Amino acid sequence: ELGEIGLPPPFWAFAWAGGQALARYILDHPETVRGRRVLDFA
């Protein structure tokens, strides 16, 4: 149904478990990214 109206599956509309865990880790360990050039893939 979503494809018929031109809407790809809305993966962006949910906070998936892997992303939540990774975000939590980064916030609790800011030295992981501080001052660095970062890619958030997918």
All heavy atoms as atom14 arrays in JSON, in Angstrom:
{
  "sequence": "ELGEIGLPPPFWAFAWAGGQALARYILDHPETVRGRRVLDFA",
  "atom14_mask": [
    [1, 1, 1, 1, 1, 1, 1, 1, 1, 0, 0, 0, 0, 0],
    [1, 1, 1, 1, 1, 1, 1, 1, 0, 0, 0, 0, 0, 0],
    [1, 1, 1, 1, 0, 0, 0, 0, 0, 0, 0, 0, 0, 0],
    [1, 1, 1, 1, 1, 1, 1, 1, 1, 0, 0, 0, 0, 0],
    [1, 1, 1, 1, 1, 1, 1, 1, 0, 0, 0, 0, 0, 0],
    [1, 1, 1, 1, 0, 0, 0, 0, 0, 0, 0, 0, 0, 0],
    [1, 1, 1, 1, 1, 1, 1, 1, 0, 0, 0, 0, 0, 0],
    [1, 1, 1, 1, 1, 1, 1, 0, 0, 0, 0, 0, 0, 0],
    [1, 1, 1, 1, 1, 1, 1, 0, 0, 0, 0, 0, 0, 0],
    [1, 1, 1, 1, 1, 1, 1, 0, 0, 0, 0, 0, 0, 0],
    [1, 1, 1, 1, 1, 1, 1, 1, 1, 1, 1, 0, 0, 0],
    [1, 1, 1, 1, 1, 1, 1, 1, 1, 1, 1, 1, 1, 1],
    [1, 1, 1, 1, 1, 0, 0, 0, 0, 0, 0, 0, 0, 0],
    [1, 1, 1, 1, 1, 1, 1, 1, 1, 1, 1, 0, 0, 0],
    [1, 1, 1, 1, 1, 0, 0, 0, 0, 0, 0, 0, 0, 0],
    [1, 1, 1, 1, 1, 1, 1, 1, 1, 1, 1, 1, 1, 1],
    [1, 1, 1, 1, 1, 0, 0, 0, 0, 0, 0, 0, 0, 0],
    [1, 1, 1, 1, 0, 0, 0, 0, 0, 0, 0, 0, 0, 0],
    [1, 1, 1, 1, 0, 0, 0, 0, 0, 0, 0, 0, 0, 0],
    [1, 1, 1, 1, 1, 1, 1, 1, 1, 0, 0, 0, 0, 0],
    [1, 1, 1, 1, 1, 0, 0, 0, 0, 0, 0, 0, 0, 0],
    [1, 1, 1, 1, 1, 1, 1, 1, 0, 0, 0, 0, 0, 0],
    [1, 1, 1, 1, 1, 0, 0, 0, 0, 0, 0, 0, 0, 0],
    [1, 1, 1, 1, 1, 1, 1, 1, 1, 1, 1, 0, 0, 0],
    [1, 1, 1, 1, 1, 1, 1, 1, 1, 1, 1, 1, 0, 0],
    [1, 1, 1, 1, 1, 1, 1, 1, 0, 0, 0, 0, 0, 0],
    [1, 1, 1, 1, 1, 1, 1, 1, 0, 0, 0, 0, 0, 0],
    [1, 1, 1, 1, 1, 1, 1, 1, 0, 0, 0, 0, 0, 0],
    [1, 1, 1, 1, 1, 1, 1, 1, 1, 1, 0, 0, 0, 0],
    [1, 1, 1, 1, 1, 1, 1, 0, 0, 0, 0, 0, 0, 0],
    [1, 1, 1, 1, 1, 1, 1, 1, 1, 0, 0, 0, 0, 0],
    [1, 1, 1, 1, 1, 1, 1, 0, 0, 0, 0, 0, 0, 0],
    [1, 1, 1, 1, 1, 1, 1, 0, 0, 0, 0, 0, 0, 0],
    [1, 1, 1, 1, 1, 1, 1, 1, 1, 1, 1, 0, 0, 0],
    [1, 1, 1, 1, 0, 0, 0, 0, 0, 0, 0, 0, 0, 0],
    [1, 1, 1, 1, 1, 1, 1, 1, 1, 1, 1, 0, 0, 0],
    [1, 1, 1, 1, 1, 1, 1, 1, 1, 1, 1, 0, 0, 0],
    [1, 1, 1, 1, 1, 1, 1, 0, 0, 0, 0, 0, 0, 0],
    [1, 1, 1, 1, 1, 1, 1, 1, 0, 0, 0, 0, 0, 0],
    [1, 1, 1, 1, 1, 1, 1, 1, 0, 0, 0, 0, 0, 0],
    [1, 1, 1, 1, 1, 1, 1, 1, 1, 1, 1, 0, 0, 0],
    [1, 1, 1, 1, 1, 0, 0, 0, 0, 0, 0, 0, 0, 0]
  ],
  "atom14_positions": [
    [[0.83, -1.21, 0.0], [0.0, 0.0, 0.0], [0.87, 1.26, 0.0], [0.59, 2.22, -0.72], [-0.91, 0.01, 1.23], [-2.04, -0.99, 1.19], [-2.84, -0.95, 2.47], [-2.29, -1.26, 3.53], [-4.03, -0.6, 2.4], [0.0, 0.0, 0.0], [0.0, 0.0, 0.0], [0.0, 0.0, 0.0], [0.0, 0.0, 0.0], [0.0, 0.0, 0.0]],
    [[1.91, 1.24, 0.81], [2.79, 2.4, 0.86], [3.46, 2.64, -0.49], [3.6, 3.77, -0.94], [3.84, 2.2, 1.95], [3.31, 2.17, 3.39], [4.42, 1.78, 4.35], [2.72, 3.51, 3.79], [0.0, 0.0, 0.0], [0.0, 0.0, 0.0], [0.0, 0.0, 0.0], [0.0, 0.0, 0.0], [0.0, 0.0, 0.0], [0.0, 0.0, 0.0]],
    [[3.86, 1.56, -1.15], [4.48, 1.69, -2.45], [3.55, 2.31, -3.48], [3.98, 3.09, -4.33], [0.0, 0.0, 0.0], [0.0, 0.0, 0.0], [0.0, 0.0, 0.0], [0.0, 0.0, 0.0], [0.0, 0.0, 0.0], [0.0, 0.0, 0.0], [0.0, 0.0, 0.0], [0.0, 0.0, 0.0], [0.0, 0.0, 0.0], [0.0, 0.0, 0.0]],
    [[2.27, 1.99, -3.39], [1.3, 2.54, -4.34], [1.18, 4.05, -4.23], [0.88, 4.74, -5.2], [-0.06, 1.89, -4.13], [-0.12, 0.43, -4.57], [-1.45, -0.22, -4.22], [-2.32, 0.49, -3.65], [-1.61, -1.41, -4.49], [0.0, 0.0, 0.0], [0.0, 0.0, 0.0], [0.0, 0.0, 0.0], [0.0, 0.0, 0.0], [0.0, 0.0, 0.0]],
    [[1.4, 4.61, -3.05], [1.29, 6.06, -2.87], [2.65, 6.74, -2.9], [2.76, 7.93, -2.67], [0.55, 6.42, -1.57], [1.31, 5.88, -0.34], [-0.87, 5.9, -1.59], [0.72, 6.32, 0.98], [0.0, 0.0, 0.0], [0.0, 0.0, 0.0], [0.0, 0.0, 0.0], [0.0, 0.0, 0.0], [0.0, 0.0, 0.0], [0.0, 0.0, 0.0]],
    [[3.71, 5.95, -3.18], [5.03, 6.55, -3.33], [5.79, 6.73, -2.04], [6.71, 7.55, -1.97], [0.0, 0.0, 0.0], [0.0, 0.0, 0.0], [0.0, 0.0, 0.0], [0.0, 0.0, 0.0], [0.0, 0.0, 0.0], [0.0, 0.0, 0.0], [0.0, 0.0, 0.0], [0.0, 0.0, 0.0], [0.0, 0.0, 0.0], [0.0, 0.0, 0.0]],
    [[5.45, 5.98, -1.0], [6.13, 6.11, 0.29], [6.95, 4.85, 0.57], [6.38, 3.77, 0.74], [5.1, 6.32, 1.42], [5.66, 6.43, 2.83], [6.49, 7.69, 2.97], [4.53, 6.43, 3.86], [0.0, 0.0, 0.0], [0.0, 0.0, 0.0], [0.0, 0.0, 0.0], [0.0, 0.0, 0.0], [0.0, 0.0, 0.0], [0.0, 0.0, 0.0]],
    [[8.27, 4.94, 0.59], [9.09, 3.77, 0.95], [8.79, 3.34, 2.39], [8.27, 4.13, 3.18], [10.53, 4.3, 0.83], [10.43, 5.54, 0.01], [9.09, 6.12, 0.3], [0.0, 0.0, 0.0], [0.0, 0.0, 0.0], [0.0, 0.0, 0.0], [0.0, 0.0, 0.0], [0.0, 0.0, 0.0], [0.0, 0.0, 0.0], [0.0, 0.0, 0.0]],
    [[9.09, 2.1, 2.75], [8.89, 1.68, 4.14], [9.54, 2.68, 5.09], [10.72, 3.02, 4.93], [9.59, 0.31, 4.19], [9.5, -0.19, 2.8], [9.63, 1.02, 1.91], [0.0, 0.0, 0.0], [0.0, 0.0, 0.0], [0.0, 0.0, 0.0], [0.0, 0.0, 0.0], [0.0, 0.0, 0.0], [0.0, 0.0, 0.0], [0.0, 0.0, 0.0]],
    [[8.81, 3.2, 6.07], [9.29, 4.33, 6.88], [10.21, 3.9, 8.03], [9.9, 4.1, 9.2], [7.99, 4.94, 7.39], [7.06, 3.77, 7.51], [7.4, 2.85, 6.37], [0.0, 0.0, 0.0], [0.0, 0.0, 0.0], [0.0, 0.0, 0.0], [0.0, 0.0, 0.0], [0.0, 0.0, 0.0], [0.0, 0.0, 0.0], [0.0, 0.0, 0.0]],
    [[11.37, 3.37, 7.67], [12.33, 2.98, 8.71], [12.76, 4.18, 9.55], [13.13, 4.03, 10.72], [13.56, 2.33, 8.07], [13.26, 1.07, 7.31], [13.5, 0.98, 5.96], [12.72, -0.03, 7.95], [13.22, -0.18, 5.25], [12.43, -1.19, 7.27], [12.68, -1.28, 5.91], [0.0, 0.0, 0.0], [0.0, 0.0, 0.0], [0.0, 0.0, 0.0]],
    [[12.73, 5.37, 8.96], [13.12, 6.59, 9.64], [12.16, 6.98, 10.75], [12.47, 7.85, 11.56], [13.2, 7.75, 8.63], [11.96, 7.84, 7.79], [11.77, 7.28, 6.56], [10.74, 8.5, 8.13], [10.5, 7.57, 6.11], [9.85, 8.31, 7.05], [10.33, 9.25, 9.23], [8.56, 8.83, 7.07], [9.04, 9.76, 9.25], [8.17, 9.55, 8.16]],
    [[10.98, 6.37, 10.79], [9.93, 6.79, 11.73], [9.99, 6.06, 13.06], [9.12, 6.27, 13.91], [8.56, 6.58, 11.09], [0.0, 0.0, 0.0], [0.0, 0.0, 0.0], [0.0, 0.0, 0.0], [0.0, 0.0, 0.0], [0.0, 0.0, 0.0], [0.0, 0.0, 0.0], [0.0, 0.0, 0.0], [0.0, 0.0, 0.0], [0.0, 0.0, 0.0]],
    [[11.01, 5.24, 13.26], [11.11, 4.45, 14.48], [12.52, 4.53, 15.05], [13.49, 4.62, 14.3], [10.76, 2.98, 14.2], [9.39, 2.8, 13.6], [9.23, 2.69, 12.23], [8.27, 2.78, 14.41], [7.97, 2.55, 11.66], [7.0, 2.65, 13.85], [6.85, 2.53, 12.47], [0.0, 0.0, 0.0], [0.0, 0.0, 0.0], [0.0, 0.0, 0.0]],
    [[12.6, 4.49, 16.37], [13.9, 4.43, 17.04], [14.23, 2.96, 17.27], [13.86, 2.38, 18.29], [13.86, 5.21, 18.36], [0.0, 0.0, 0.0], [0.0, 0.0, 0.0], [0.0, 0.0, 0.0], [0.0, 0.0, 0.0], [0.0, 0.0, 0.0], [0.0, 0.0, 0.0], [0.0, 0.0, 0.0], [0.0, 0.0, 0.0], [0.0, 0.0, 0.0]],
    [[14.94, 2.36, 16.32], [15.23, 0.93, 16.36], [16.21, 0.62, 17.49], [16.98, 1.48, 17.92], [15.79, 0.48, 15.02], [14.81, 0.69, 13.91], [14.7, 1.8, 13.12], [13.77, -0.2, 13.49], [13.66, 1.65, 12.22], [13.08, 0.43, 12.42], [13.38, -1.47, 13.9], [12.0, -0.17, 11.78], [12.31, -2.08, 13.24], [11.64, -1.43, 12.2]],
    [[16.19, -0.62, 17.94], [16.96, -1.0, 19.12], [18.46, -0.76, 18.94], [19.13, -0.25, 19.84], [16.7, -2.47, 19.45], [0.0, 0.0, 0.0], [0.0, 0.0, 0.0], [0.0, 0.0, 0.0], [0.0, 0.0, 0.0], [0.0, 0.0, 0.0], [0.0, 0.0, 0.0], [0.0, 0.0, 0.0], [0.0, 0.0, 0.0], [0.0, 0.0, 0.0]],
    [[19.0, -1.15, 17.78], [20.44, -0.97, 17.56], [20.84, 0.49, 17.58], [21.89, 0.86, 18.12], [0.0, 0.0, 0.0], [0.0, 0.0, 0.0], [0.0, 0.0, 0.0], [0.0, 0.0, 0.0], [0.0, 0.0, 0.0], [0.0, 0.0, 0.0], [0.0, 0.0, 0.0], [0.0, 0.0, 0.0], [0.0, 0.0, 0.0], [0.0, 0.0, 0.0]],
    [[20.02, 1.34, 16.99], [20.3, 2.77, 17.0], [20.21, 3.37, 18.39], [21.04, 4.21, 18.78], [0.0, 0.0, 0.0], [0.0, 0.0, 0.0], [0.0, 0.0, 0.0], [0.0, 0.0, 0.0], [0.0, 0.0, 0.0], [0.0, 0.0, 0.0], [0.0, 0.0, 0.0], [0.0, 0.0, 0.0], [0.0, 0.0, 0.0], [0.0, 0.0, 0.0]],
    [[19.22, 2.95, 19.17], [19.11, 3.44, 20.54], [20.33, 3.06, 21.37], [20.89, 3.89, 22.1], [17.85, 2.9, 21.21], [16.55, 3.51, 20.72], [15.42, 3.24, 21.7], [15.48, 3.6, 22.87], [14.37, 2.59, 21.21], [0.0, 0.0, 0.0], [0.0, 0.0, 0.0], [0.0, 0.0, 0.0], [0.0, 0.0, 0.0], [0.0, 0.0, 0.0]],
    [[20.76, 1.8, 21.26], [21.92, 1.36, 22.02], [23.17, 2.12, 21.61], [23.97, 2.55, 22.46], [22.13, -0.15, 21.83], [0.0, 0.0, 0.0], [0.0, 0.0, 0.0], [0.0, 0.0, 0.0], [0.0, 0.0, 0.0], [0.0, 0.0, 0.0], [0.0, 0.0, 0.0], [0.0, 0.0, 0.0], [0.0, 0.0, 0.0], [0.0, 0.0, 0.0]],
    [[23.36, 2.3, 20.31], [24.55, 2.99, 19.82], [24.53, 4.46, 20.25], [25.56, 5.01, 20.66], [24.61, 2.86, 18.3], [25.91, 3.23, 17.61], [27.12, 2.56, 18.25], [25.82, 2.88, 16.12], [0.0, 0.0, 0.0], [0.0, 0.0, 0.0], [0.0, 0.0, 0.0], [0.0, 0.0, 0.0], [0.0, 0.0, 0.0], [0.0, 0.0, 0.0]],
    [[23.37, 5.11, 20.17], [23.26, 6.5, 20.61], [23.55, 6.62, 22.1], [24.24, 7.55, 22.54], [21.87, 7.03, 20.29], [0.0, 0.0, 0.0], [0.0, 0.0, 0.0], [0.0, 0.0, 0.0], [0.0, 0.0, 0.0], [0.0, 0.0, 0.0], [0.0, 0.0, 0.0], [0.0, 0.0, 0.0], [0.0, 0.0, 0.0], [0.0, 0.0, 0.0]],
    [[23.02, 5.68, 22.89], [23.28, 5.69, 24.33], [24.78, 5.54, 24.63], [25.33, 6.23, 25.49], [22.5, 4.56, 25.0], [22.63, 4.44, 26.51], [21.85, 5.53, 27.21], [22.65, 6.73, 27.47], [22.13, 7.95, 27.59], [20.83, 8.15, 27.45], [22.91, 8.98, 27.81], [0.0, 0.0, 0.0], [0.0, 0.0, 0.0], [0.0, 0.0, 0.0]],
    [[25.42, 4.63, 23.9], [26.86, 4.42, 24.1], [27.65, 5.68, 23.78], [28.55, 6.08, 24.52], [27.34, 3.26, 23.23], [28.8, 2.94, 23.43], [29.21, 2.12, 24.48], [29.77, 3.47, 22.59], [30.55, 1.85, 24.68], [31.11, 3.2, 22.79], [31.49, 2.38, 23.84], [32.83, 2.13, 24.04], [0.0, 0.0, 0.0], [0.0, 0.0, 0.0]],
    [[27.3, 6.33, 22.68], [28.02, 7.55, 22.27], [27.84, 8.65, 23.31], [28.8, 9.35, 23.68], [27.53, 8.01, 20.88], [27.89, 6.99, 19.81], [28.08, 9.39, 20.54], [29.37, 6.72, 19.68], [0.0, 0.0, 0.0], [0.0, 0.0, 0.0], [0.0, 0.0, 0.0], [0.0, 0.0, 0.0], [0.0, 0.0, 0.0], [0.0, 0.0, 0.0]],
    [[26.62, 8.83, 23.8], [26.38, 9.88, 24.78], [27.08, 9.59, 26.1], [27.54, 10.51, 26.79], [24.88, 10.05, 25.01], [24.11, 10.68, 23.84], [22.61, 10.58, 24.07], [24.52, 12.13, 23.64], [0.0, 0.0, 0.0], [0.0, 0.0, 0.0], [0.0, 0.0, 0.0], [0.0, 0.0, 0.0], [0.0, 0.0, 0.0], [0.0, 0.0, 0.0]],
    [[27.18, 8.32, 26.47], [27.85, 7.95, 27.71], [29.37, 7.9, 27.58], [30.08, 7.93, 28.59], [27.35, 6.59, 28.2], [25.91, 6.64, 28.7], [25.4, 7.76, 28.93], [25.29, 5.57, 28.83], [0.0, 0.0, 0.0], [0.0, 0.0, 0.0], [0.0, 0.0, 0.0], [0.0, 0.0, 0.0], [0.0, 0.0, 0.0], [0.0, 0.0, 0.0]],
    [[29.85, 7.82, 26.34], [31.29, 7.78, 26.06], [31.63, 8.8, 24.98], [32.03, 8.44, 23.86], [31.71, 6.37, 25.63], [31.36, 5.31, 26.63], [32.17, 5.0, 27.7], [30.26, 4.51, 26.74], [31.6, 4.04, 28.42], [30.45, 3.73, 27.86], [0.0, 0.0, 0.0], [0.0, 0.0, 0.0], [0.0, 0.0, 0.0], [0.0, 0.0, 0.0]],
    [[31.47, 10.08, 25.27], [31.63, 11.12, 24.24], [33.03, 11.16, 23.63], [33.19, 11.64, 22.5], [31.31, 12.41, 24.99], [31.52, 12.09, 26.44], [31.13, 10.66, 26.59], [0.0, 0.0, 0.0], [0.0, 0.0, 0.0], [0.0, 0.0, 0.0], [0.0, 0.0, 0.0], [0.0, 0.0, 0.0], [0.0, 0.0, 0.0], [0.0, 0.0, 0.0]],
    [[34.01, 10.63, 24.35], [35.36, 10.6, 23.79], [35.43, 9.76, 22.52], [36.37, 9.89, 21.73], [36.35, 10.06, 24.83], [36.21, 8.59, 25.2], [35.1, 8.29, 26.2], [34.41, 9.24, 26.63], [34.92, 7.11, 26.55], [0.0, 0.0, 0.0], [0.0, 0.0, 0.0], [0.0, 0.0, 0.0], [0.0, 0.0, 0.0], [0.0, 0.0, 0.0]],
    [[34.45, 8.91, 22.3], [34.39, 8.09, 21.08], [34.33, 8.95, 19.82], [34.88, 8.6, 18.78], [33.16, 7.16, 21.14], [33.2, 6.39, 22.34], [33.12, 6.22, 19.95], [0.0, 0.0, 0.0], [0.0, 0.0, 0.0], [0.0, 0.0, 0.0], [0.0, 0.0, 0.0], [0.0, 0.0, 0.0], [0.0, 0.0, 0.0], [0.0, 0.0, 0.0]],
    [[33.66, 10.1, 19.92], [33.45, 10.93, 18.74], [33.94, 12.37, 18.89], [33.99, 13.11, 17.9], [31.95, 10.97, 18.35], [31.43, 9.58, 18.02], [31.11, 11.6, 19.47], [0.0, 0.0, 0.0], [0.0, 0.0, 0.0], [0.0, 0.0, 0.0], [0.0, 0.0, 0.0], [0.0, 0.0, 0.0], [0.0, 0.0, 0.0], [0.0, 0.0, 0.0]],
    [[34.28, 12.79, 20.09], [34.59, 14.2, 20.33], [35.71, 14.69, 19.42], [36.79, 14.1, 19.35], [34.98, 14.42, 21.79], [35.17, 15.9, 22.14], [35.66, 16.07, 23.57], [34.64, 15.65, 24.52], [34.84, 14.73, 25.46], [36.02, 14.13, 25.55], [33.86, 14.42, 26.29], [0.0, 0.0, 0.0], [0.0, 0.0, 0.0], [0.0, 0.0, 0.0]],
    [[35.44, 15.77, 18.68], [36.43, 16.36, 17.8], [36.7, 15.58, 16.53], [37.61, 15.94, 15.78], [0.0, 0.0, 0.0], [0.0, 0.0, 0.0], [0.0, 0.0, 0.0], [0.0, 0.0, 0.0], [0.0, 0.0, 0.0], [0.0, 0.0, 0.0], [0.0, 0.0, 0.0], [0.0, 0.0, 0.0], [0.0, 0.0, 0.0], [0.0, 0.0, 0.0]],
    [[35.92, 14.54, 16.27], [36.19, 13.66, 15.14], [35.16, 13.84, 14.01], [34.06, 14.34, 14.22], [36.21, 12.2, 15.6], [37.25, 11.92, 16.68], [37.27, 10.47, 17.08], [38.14, 10.24, 18.23], [39.46, 10.08, 18.15], [40.05, 10.11, 16.96], [40.17, 9.89, 19.24], [0.0, 0.0, 0.0], [0.0, 0.0, 0.0], [0.0, 0.0, 0.0]],
    [[35.56, 13.4, 12.82], [34.68, 13.41, 11.65], [33.91, 12.09, 11.64], [34.51, 11.02, 11.6], [35.5, 13.57, 10.39], [36.33, 14.87, 10.36], [37.43, 14.81, 9.32], [38.43, 13.78, 9.65], [39.5, 13.51, 8.91], [39.72, 14.19, 7.79], [40.35, 12.57, 9.28], [0.0, 0.0, 0.0], [0.0, 0.0, 0.0], [0.0, 0.0, 0.0]],
    [[32.58, 12.18, 11.66], [31.74, 11.02, 11.93], [30.78, 10.76, 10.78], [30.2, 11.69, 10.21], [30.95, 11.22, 13.24], [29.98, 10.07, 13.49], [31.9, 11.38, 14.42], [0.0, 0.0, 0.0], [0.0, 0.0, 0.0], [0.0, 0.0, 0.0], [0.0, 0.0, 0.0], [0.0, 0.0, 0.0], [0.0, 0.0, 0.0], [0.0, 0.0, 0.0]],
    [[30.59, 9.48, 10.46], [29.53, 9.03, 9.55], [28.51, 8.24, 10.33], [28.85, 7.29, 11.03], [30.1, 8.15, 8.43], [29.05, 7.45, 7.55], [28.26, 8.46, 6.72], [29.7, 6.4, 6.65], [0.0, 0.0, 0.0], [0.0, 0.0, 0.0], [0.0, 0.0, 0.0], [0.0, 0.0, 0.0], [0.0, 0.0, 0.0], [0.0, 0.0, 0.0]],
    [[27.23, 8.63, 10.21], [26.11, 7.81, 10.68], [25.54, 7.14, 9.45], [24.86, 7.76, 8.64], [25.08, 8.7, 11.38], [23.83, 7.93, 11.8], [23.84, 6.69, 11.76], [22.83, 8.61, 12.17], [0.0, 0.0, 0.0], [0.0, 0.0, 0.0], [0.0, 0.0, 0.0], [0.0, 0.0, 0.0], [0.0, 0.0, 0.0], [0.0, 0.0, 0.0]],
    [[25.85, 5.85, 9.27], [25.46, 5.11, 8.07], [24.05, 4.55, 8.21], [23.68, 4.04, 9.26], [26.45, 3.97, 7.81], [26.01, 3.05, 6.71], [26.01, 3.48, 5.39], [25.56, 1.77, 6.99], [25.59, 2.65, 4.37], [25.14, 0.93, 5.97], [25.15, 1.37, 4.66], [0.0, 0.0, 0.0], [0.0, 0.0, 0.0], [0.0, 0.0, 0.0]],
    [[23.26, 4.62, 7.11], [21.85, 4.18, 7.13], [21.15, 4.86, 8.29], [20.56, 4.23, 9.17], [21.75, 2.66, 7.22], [0.0, 0.0, 0.0], [0.0, 0.0, 0.0], [0.0, 0.0, 0.0], [0.0, 0.0, 0.0], [0.0, 0.0, 0.0], [0.0, 0.0, 0.0], [0.0, 0.0, 0.0], [0.0, 0.0, 0.0], [0.0, 0.0, 0.0]]
  ]
}
